[in-house]
PDB file of all heavy atoms in Angstrom:
ATOM      1  N   GLY A   1      63.479 174.915 142.711  1.00  0.00           N
ATOM      2  CA  GLY A   1      62.397 174.302 141.946  1.00  0.00           C
ATOM      3  C   GLY A   1      62.924 173.649 140.706  1.00  0.00           C
ATOM      4  O   GLY A   1      63.946 174.007 140.133  1.00  0.00           O
ATOM      5  N   VAL A   2      62.254 172.609 140.261  1.00  0.00           N
ATOM      6  CA  VAL A   2      62.559 171.896 139.024  1.00  0.00           C
ATOM      7  C   VAL A   2      61.639 172.410 137.938  1.00  0.00           C
ATOM      8  O   VAL A   2      60.423 172.335 138.054  1.00  0.00           O
ATOM      9  CB  VAL A   2      62.429 170.380 139.258  1.00  0.00           C
ATOM     10  CG1 VAL A   2      62.762 169.628 137.939  1.00  0.00           C
ATOM     11  CG2 VAL A   2      63.314 169.883 140.312  1.00  0.00           C
ATOM     12  N   ILE A   3      62.200 172.898 136.910  1.00  0.00           N
ATOM     13  CA  ILE A   3      61.454 173.440 135.766  1.00  0.00           C
ATOM     14  C   ILE A   3      61.756 172.612 134.542  1.00  0.00           C
ATOM     15  O   ILE A   3      62.888 172.257 134.268  1.00  0.00           O
ATOM     16  CB  ILE A   3      61.896 174.950 135.385  1.00  0.00           C
ATOM     17  CG1 ILE A   3      61.695 175.865 136.621  1.00  0.00           C
ATOM     18  CG2 ILE A   3      61.136 175.388 134.166  1.00  0.00           C
ATOM     19  CD1 ILE A   3      60.276 176.141 136.981  1.00  0.00           C
ATOM     20  N   THR A   4      60.734 172.201 133.794  1.00  0.00           N
ATOM     21  CA  THR A   4      60.913 171.523 132.530  1.00  0.00           C
ATOM     22  C   THR A   4      60.282 172.307 131.395  1.00  0.00           C
ATOM     23  O   THR A   4      59.122 172.739 131.499  1.00  0.00           O
ATOM     24  CB  THR A   4      60.311 170.042 132.573  1.00  0.00           C
ATOM     25  OG1 THR A   4      60.928 169.360 133.617  1.00  0.00           O
ATOM     26  CG2 THR A   4      60.467 169.362 131.230  1.00  0.00           C
ATOM     27  N   CYS A   5      61.022 172.623 130.397  1.00  0.00           N
ATOM     28  CA  CYS A   5      60.580 173.367 129.220  1.00  0.00           C
ATOM     29  C   CYS A   5      60.865 172.641 127.952  1.00  0.00           C
ATOM     30  O   CYS A   5      61.816 171.830 127.840  1.00  0.00           O
ATOM     31  CB  CYS A   5      61.390 174.670 129.149  1.00  0.00           C
ATOM     32  SG  CYS A   5      61.072 175.844 130.420  1.00  0.00           S
ATOM     33  N   ARG A   6      59.929 172.773 126.980  1.00  0.00           N
ATOM     34  CA  ARG A   6      60.108 172.275 125.624  1.00  0.00           C
ATOM     35  C   ARG A   6      60.508 173.465 124.794  1.00  0.00           C
ATOM     36  O   ARG A   6      59.812 174.457 124.693  1.00  0.00           O
ATOM     37  CB  ARG A   6      58.802 171.632 125.188  1.00  0.00           C
ATOM     38  CG  ARG A   6      58.844 171.035 123.810  1.00  0.00           C
ATOM     39  CD  ARG A   6      59.477 169.618 123.916  1.00  0.00           C
ATOM     40  NE  ARG A   6      59.526 168.980 122.660  1.00  0.00           N
ATOM     41  CZ  ARG A   6      60.513 168.148 122.313  1.00  0.00           C
ATOM     42  NH1 ARG A   6      61.431 167.839 123.137  1.00  0.00           N
ATOM     43  NH2 ARG A   6      60.531 167.595 121.115  1.00  0.00           N
ATOM     44  N   THR A   7      61.696 173.354 124.169  1.00  0.00           N
ATOM     45  CA  THR A   7      62.204 174.421 123.364  1.00  0.00           C
ATOM     46  C   THR A   7      62.267 174.023 121.880  1.00  0.00           C
ATOM     47  O   THR A   7      62.642 172.911 121.543  1.00  0.00           O
ATOM     48  CB  THR A   7      63.634 174.832 123.820  1.00  0.00           C
ATOM     49  OG1 THR A   7      63.473 175.306 125.165  1.00  0.00           O
ATOM     50  CG2 THR A   7      64.244 175.895 123.005  1.00  0.00           C
ATOM     51  N   ALA A   8      61.955 174.962 121.022  1.00  0.00           N
ATOM     52  CA  ALA A   8      62.015 174.734 119.567  1.00  0.00           C
ATOM     53  C   ALA A   8      62.842 175.905 118.965  1.00  0.00           C
ATOM     54  O   ALA A   8      62.676 177.034 119.362  1.00  0.00           O
ATOM     55  CB  ALA A   8      60.650 174.713 118.963  1.00  0.00           C
ATOM     56  N   GLY A   9      63.677 175.527 118.045  1.00  0.00           N
ATOM     57  CA  GLY A   9      64.446 176.529 117.242  1.00  0.00           C
ATOM     58  C   GLY A   9      63.984 176.512 115.796  1.00  0.00           C
ATOM     59  O   GLY A   9      63.671 175.451 115.299  1.00  0.00           O
ATOM     60  N   HIS A  10      63.939 177.667 115.252  1.00  0.00           N
ATOM     61  CA  HIS A  10      63.521 177.835 113.816  1.00  0.00           C
ATOM     62  C   HIS A  10      64.381 178.896 113.170  1.00  0.00           C
ATOM     63  O   HIS A  10      65.090 179.703 113.803  1.00  0.00           O
ATOM     64  CB  HIS A  10      62.067 178.106 113.644  1.00  0.00           C
ATOM     65  CG  HIS A  10      61.675 179.418 114.186  1.00  0.00           C
ATOM     66  ND1 HIS A  10      61.285 179.619 115.522  1.00  0.00           N
ATOM     67  CD2 HIS A  10      61.440 180.655 113.524  1.00  0.00           C
ATOM     68  CE1 HIS A  10      61.008 180.870 115.707  1.00  0.00           C
ATOM     69  NE2 HIS A  10      61.067 181.531 114.517  1.00  0.00           N
ATOM     70  N   ASN A  11      64.493 178.759 111.842  1.00  0.00           N
ATOM     71  CA  ASN A  11      65.325 179.753 111.106  1.00  0.00           C
ATOM     72  C   ASN A  11      64.495 180.931 110.587  1.00  0.00           C
ATOM     73  O   ASN A  11      63.314 181.042 110.891  1.00  0.00           O
ATOM     74  CB  ASN A  11      66.103 179.000 109.929  1.00  0.00           C
ATOM     75  CG  ASN A  11      65.196 178.464 108.853  1.00  0.00           C
ATOM     76  OD1 ASN A  11      63.995 178.878 108.711  1.00  0.00           O
ATOM     77  ND2 ASN A  11      65.709 177.593 108.022  1.00  0.00           N
ATOM     78  N   GLN A  12      65.104 181.740 109.808  1.00  0.00           N
ATOM     79  CA  GLN A  12      64.526 182.954 109.253  1.00  0.00           C
ATOM     80  C   GLN A  12      63.360 182.690 108.361  1.00  0.00           C
ATOM     81  O   GLN A  12      62.514 183.460 108.136  1.00  0.00           O
ATOM     82  CB  GLN A  12      65.607 183.753 108.526  1.00  0.00           C
ATOM     83  CG  GLN A  12      66.086 183.107 107.224  1.00  0.00           C
ATOM     84  CD  GLN A  12      67.206 182.085 107.391  1.00  0.00           C
ATOM     85  OE1 GLN A  12      67.685 181.866 108.499  1.00  0.00           O
ATOM     86  NE2 GLN A  12      67.558 181.420 106.382  1.00  0.00           N
ATOM     87  N   ASN A  13      63.265 181.415 107.862  1.00  0.00           N
ATOM     88  CA  ASN A  13      62.064 181.046 107.014  1.00  0.00           C
ATOM     89  C   ASN A  13      61.001 180.348 107.792  1.00  0.00           C
ATOM     90  O   ASN A  13      60.053 179.822 107.227  1.00  0.00           O
ATOM     91  CB  ASN A  13      62.566 180.159 105.881  1.00  0.00           C
ATOM     92  CG  ASN A  13      63.595 180.802 104.982  1.00  0.00           C
ATOM     93  OD1 ASN A  13      63.467 182.004 104.687  1.00  0.00           O
ATOM     94  ND2 ASN A  13      64.646 180.075 104.641  1.00  0.00           N
ATOM     95  N   ASP A  14      61.162 180.381 109.118  1.00  0.00           N
ATOM     96  CA  ASP A  14      60.183 179.745 110.032  1.00  0.00           C
ATOM     97  C   ASP A  14      60.211 178.219 109.882  1.00  0.00           C
ATOM     98  O   ASP A  14      59.224 177.581 110.223  1.00  0.00           O
ATOM     99  CB  ASP A  14      58.769 180.272 109.876  1.00  0.00           C
ATOM    100  CG  ASP A  14      57.998 180.141 111.146  1.00  0.00           C
ATOM    101  OD1 ASP A  14      58.579 180.167 112.243  1.00  0.00           O
ATOM    102  OD2 ASP A  14      56.745 180.022 111.072  1.00  0.00           O
ATOM    103  N   THR A  15      61.354 177.638 109.337  1.00  0.00           N
ATOM    104  CA  THR A  15      61.492 176.203 109.303  1.00  0.00           C
ATOM    105  C   THR A  15      62.102 175.720 110.613  1.00  0.00           C
ATOM    106  O   THR A  15      63.096 176.283 111.108  1.00  0.00           O
ATOM    107  CB  THR A  15      62.500 175.843 108.167  1.00  0.00           C
ATOM    108  OG1 THR A  15      61.937 176.345 107.004  1.00  0.00           O
ATOM    109  CG2 THR A  15      62.710 174.341 108.156  1.00  0.00           C
ATOM    110  N   HIS A  16      61.384 174.787 111.309  1.00  0.00           N
ATOM    111  CA  HIS A  16      61.911 174.269 112.542  1.00  0.00           C
ATOM    112  C   HIS A  16      63.138 173.456 112.258  1.00  0.00           C
ATOM    113  O   HIS A  16      63.190 172.581 111.406  1.00  0.00           O
ATOM    114  CB  HIS A  16      60.802 173.430 113.248  1.00  0.00           C
ATOM    115  CG  HIS A  16      59.739 174.325 113.860  1.00  0.00           C
ATOM    116  ND1 HIS A  16      59.826 174.716 115.183  1.00  0.00           N
ATOM    117  CD2 HIS A  16      58.676 174.793 113.347  1.00  0.00           C
ATOM    118  CE1 HIS A  16      58.784 175.496 115.431  1.00  0.00           C
ATOM    119  NE2 HIS A  16      58.068 175.590 114.325  1.00  0.00           N
ATOM    120  N   VAL A  17      64.194 173.796 113.088  1.00  0.00           N
ATOM    121  CA  VAL A  17      65.438 173.109 112.909  1.00  0.00           C
ATOM    122  C   VAL A  17      65.823 172.190 114.112  1.00  0.00           C
ATOM    123  O   VAL A  17      66.688 171.367 113.943  1.00  0.00           O
ATOM    124  CB  VAL A  17      66.623 174.085 112.649  1.00  0.00           C
ATOM    125  CG1 VAL A  17      66.284 174.864 111.339  1.00  0.00           C
ATOM    126  CG2 VAL A  17      66.804 175.093 113.820  1.00  0.00           C
ATOM    127  N   LEU A  18      65.199 172.436 115.280  1.00  0.00           N
ATOM    128  CA  LEU A  18      65.552 171.714 116.544  1.00  0.00           C
ATOM    129  C   LEU A  18      64.522 171.759 117.471  1.00  0.00           C
ATOM    130  O   LEU A  18      63.779 172.783 117.628  1.00  0.00           O
ATOM    131  CB  LEU A  18      66.824 172.377 117.132  1.00  0.00           C
ATOM    132  CG  LEU A  18      67.247 171.984 118.458  1.00  0.00           C
ATOM    133  CD1 LEU A  18      67.892 170.588 118.440  1.00  0.00           C
ATOM    134  CD2 LEU A  18      68.290 173.002 119.050  1.00  0.00           C
ATOM    135  N   THR A  19      64.280 170.636 118.220  1.00  0.00           N
ATOM    136  CA  THR A  19      63.346 170.598 119.354  1.00  0.00           C
ATOM    137  C   THR A  19      64.078 169.872 120.470  1.00  0.00           C
ATOM    138  O   THR A  19      64.881 168.980 120.202  1.00  0.00           O
ATOM    139  CB  THR A  19      61.989 169.942 119.060  1.00  0.00           C
ATOM    140  OG1 THR A  19      62.259 168.595 118.635  1.00  0.00           O
ATOM    141  CG2 THR A  19      61.228 170.689 118.017  1.00  0.00           C
ATOM    142  N   LEU A  20      63.786 170.213 121.703  1.00  0.00           N
ATOM    143  CA  LEU A  20      64.348 169.476 122.835  1.00  0.00           C
ATOM    144  C   LEU A  20      63.576 169.732 124.122  1.00  0.00           C
ATOM    145  O   LEU A  20      62.781 170.763 124.145  1.00  0.00           O
ATOM    146  CB  LEU A  20      65.819 169.997 123.101  1.00  0.00           C
ATOM    147  CG  LEU A  20      66.004 171.439 123.437  1.00  0.00           C
ATOM    148  CD1 LEU A  20      66.530 171.528 124.833  1.00  0.00           C
ATOM    149  CD2 LEU A  20      66.912 172.123 122.424  1.00  0.00           C
ATOM    150  N   THR A  21      63.712 168.933 125.047  1.00  0.00           N
ATOM    151  CA  THR A  21      63.106 169.178 126.398  1.00  0.00           C
ATOM    152  C   THR A  21      64.253 169.329 127.325  1.00  0.00           C
ATOM    153  O   THR A  21      65.212 168.574 127.337  1.00  0.00           O
ATOM    154  CB  THR A  21      62.274 167.923 126.774  1.00  0.00           C
ATOM    155  OG1 THR A  21      61.200 167.836 125.827  1.00  0.00           O
ATOM    156  CG2 THR A  21      61.633 168.189 128.135  1.00  0.00           C
ATOM    157  N   ARG A  22      64.267 170.351 128.174  1.00  0.00           N
ATOM    158  CA  ARG A  22      65.298 170.702 129.124  1.00  0.00           C
ATOM    159  C   ARG A  22      64.680 170.801 130.495  1.00  0.00           C
ATOM    160  O   ARG A  22      63.678 171.459 130.693  1.00  0.00           O
ATOM    161  CB  ARG A  22      65.911 172.043 128.646  1.00  0.00           C
ATOM    162  CG  ARG A  22      67.098 172.407 129.557  1.00  0.00           C
ATOM    163  CD  ARG A  22      67.790 173.670 128.945  1.00  0.00           C
ATOM    164  NE  ARG A  22      68.660 174.225 129.915  1.00  0.00           N
ATOM    165  CZ  ARG A  22      68.670 175.560 130.201  1.00  0.00           C
ATOM    166  NH1 ARG A  22      67.863 176.370 129.594  1.00  0.00           N
ATOM    167  NH2 ARG A  22      69.504 175.973 131.058  1.00  0.00           N
ATOM    168  N   THR A  23      65.440 170.193 131.474  1.00  0.00           N
ATOM    169  CA  THR A  23      65.013 170.240 132.847  1.00  0.00           C
ATOM    170  C   THR A  23      66.117 170.798 133.625  1.00  0.00           C
ATOM    171  O   THR A  23      67.313 170.462 133.466  1.00  0.00           O
ATOM    172  CB  THR A  23      64.612 168.832 133.385  1.00  0.00           C
ATOM    173  OG1 THR A  23      63.582 168.349 132.574  1.00  0.00           O
ATOM    174  CG2 THR A  23      64.206 168.907 134.840  1.00  0.00           C
ATOM    175  N   PHE A  24      65.862 171.763 134.576  1.00  0.00           N
ATOM    176  CA  PHE A  24      66.915 172.449 135.297  1.00  0.00           C
ATOM    177  C   PHE A  24      66.391 172.937 136.643  1.00  0.00           C
ATOM    178  O   PHE A  24      65.176 173.002 136.884  1.00  0.00           O
ATOM    179  CB  PHE A  24      67.464 173.633 134.531  1.00  0.00           C
ATOM    180  CG  PHE A  24      66.403 174.567 133.968  1.00  0.00           C
ATOM    181  CD1 PHE A  24      66.024 175.688 134.640  1.00  0.00           C
ATOM    182  CD2 PHE A  24      65.800 174.347 132.758  1.00  0.00           C
ATOM    183  CE1 PHE A  24      65.027 176.537 134.174  1.00  0.00           C
ATOM    184  CE2 PHE A  24      64.804 175.161 132.245  1.00  0.00           C
ATOM    185  CZ  PHE A  24      64.424 176.327 132.942  1.00  0.00           C
ATOM    186  N   LEU A  25      67.281 173.360 137.577  1.00  0.00           N
ATOM    187  CA  LEU A  25      66.994 173.796 138.858  1.00  0.00           C
ATOM    188  C   LEU A  25      67.023 175.408 138.826  1.00  0.00           C
ATOM    189  O   LEU A  25      68.026 175.926 138.331  1.00  0.00           O
ATOM    190  CB  LEU A  25      67.912 173.344 139.939  1.00  0.00           C
ATOM    191  CG  LEU A  25      67.775 171.885 140.407  1.00  0.00           C
ATOM    192  CD1 LEU A  25      68.887 171.590 141.444  1.00  0.00           C
ATOM    193  CD2 LEU A  25      66.435 171.619 141.014  1.00  0.00           C
ATOM    194  N   ILE A  26      66.080 176.062 139.487  1.00  0.00           N
ATOM    195  CA  ILE A  26      66.207 177.456 139.729  1.00  0.00           C
ATOM    196  C   ILE A  26      65.778 177.696 141.174  1.00  0.00           C
ATOM    197  O   ILE A  26      65.014 176.895 141.763  1.00  0.00           O
ATOM    198  CB  ILE A  26      65.398 178.306 138.736  1.00  0.00           C
ATOM    199  CG1 ILE A  26      63.892 178.123 138.905  1.00  0.00           C
ATOM    200  CG2 ILE A  26      65.885 178.108 137.304  1.00  0.00           C
ATOM    201  CD1 ILE A  26      63.109 179.168 138.032  1.00  0.00           C
ATOM    202  N   PRO A  27      66.208 178.859 141.724  1.00  0.00           N
ATOM    203  CA  PRO A  27      65.751 179.112 143.149  1.00  0.00           C
ATOM    204  C   PRO A  27      64.316 179.372 143.246  1.00  0.00           C
ATOM    205  O   PRO A  27      63.732 180.020 142.374  1.00  0.00           O
ATOM    206  CB  PRO A  27      66.654 180.318 143.510  1.00  0.00           C
ATOM    207  CG  PRO A  27      67.031 180.958 142.265  1.00  0.00           C
ATOM    208  CD  PRO A  27      67.075 179.872 141.231  1.00  0.00           C
ATOM    209  N   LEU A  28      63.747 178.944 144.327  1.00  0.00           N
ATOM    210  CA  LEU A  28      62.301 179.306 144.568  1.00  0.00           C
ATOM    211  C   LEU A  28      62.111 180.769 144.871  1.00  0.00           C
ATOM    212  O   LEU A  28      61.154 181.376 144.543  1.00  0.00           O
ATOM    213  CB  LEU A  28      61.738 178.487 145.743  1.00  0.00           C
ATOM    214  CG  LEU A  28      61.594 177.023 145.528  1.00  0.00           C
ATOM    215  CD1 LEU A  28      61.197 176.212 146.796  1.00  0.00           C
ATOM    216  CD2 LEU A  28      60.619 176.670 144.411  1.00  0.00           C
ATOM    217  N   ASP A  29      63.186 181.388 145.450  1.00  0.00           N
ATOM    218  CA  ASP A  29      63.095 182.824 145.770  1.00  0.00           C
ATOM    219  C   ASP A  29      64.130 183.536 145.021  1.00  0.00           C
ATOM    220  O   ASP A  29      65.332 183.716 145.492  1.00  0.00           O
ATOM    221  CB  ASP A  29      63.311 183.059 147.279  1.00  0.00           C
ATOM    222  CG  ASP A  29      63.097 184.439 147.701  1.00  0.00           C
ATOM    223  OD1 ASP A  29      63.055 185.380 146.847  1.00  0.00           O
ATOM    224  OD2 ASP A  29      63.060 184.710 148.969  1.00  0.00           O
ATOM    225  N   ALA A  30      63.897 183.926 143.785  1.00  0.00           N
ATOM    226  CA  ALA A  30      64.863 184.525 142.879  1.00  0.00           C
ATOM    227  C   ALA A  30      65.403 185.839 143.504  1.00  0.00           C
ATOM    228  O   ALA A  30      66.556 186.158 143.396  1.00  0.00           O
ATOM    229  CB  ALA A  30      64.202 184.861 141.515  1.00  0.00           C
ATOM    230  N   ASP A  31      64.470 186.676 144.136  1.00  0.00           N
ATOM    231  CA  ASP A  31      65.014 187.929 144.722  1.00  0.00           C
ATOM    232  C   ASP A  31      66.002 187.756 145.840  1.00  0.00           C
ATOM    233  O   ASP A  31      66.959 188.538 145.894  1.00  0.00           O
ATOM    234  CB  ASP A  31      63.821 188.777 145.203  1.00  0.00           C
ATOM    235  CG  ASP A  31      62.993 189.336 144.027  1.00  0.00           C
ATOM    236  OD1 ASP A  31      63.545 189.502 142.919  1.00  0.00           O
ATOM    237  OD2 ASP A  31      61.828 189.674 144.261  1.00  0.00           O
ATOM    238  N   ALA A  32      65.884 186.671 146.614  1.00  0.00           N
ATOM    239  CA  ALA A  32      66.889 186.400 147.648  1.00  0.00           C
ATOM    240  C   ALA A  32      68.217 186.156 146.995  1.00  0.00           C
ATOM    241  O   ALA A  32      69.280 186.631 147.522  1.00  0.00           O
ATOM    242  CB  ALA A  32      66.447 185.287 148.557  1.00  0.00           C
ATOM    243  N   VAL A  33      68.202 185.328 145.903  1.00  0.00           N
ATOM    244  CA  VAL A  33      69.468 184.981 145.214  1.00  0.00           C
ATOM    245  C   VAL A  33      70.048 186.296 144.563  1.00  0.00           C
ATOM    246  O   VAL A  33      71.220 186.497 144.672  1.00  0.00           O
ATOM    247  CB  VAL A  33      69.228 183.890 144.201  1.00  0.00           C
ATOM    248  CG1 VAL A  33      70.523 183.722 143.340  1.00  0.00           C
ATOM    249  CG2 VAL A  33      68.930 182.620 144.950  1.00  0.00           C
TER     250      VAL A  33
END
């Protein structure tokens, strides 16, 4: 399956330092893998 996530990173002061969109493949049947 193709998964797309939007990820945000922030520091200890809750200041956002990074955002990105990542797309990757994962198995449809995780337990089989």
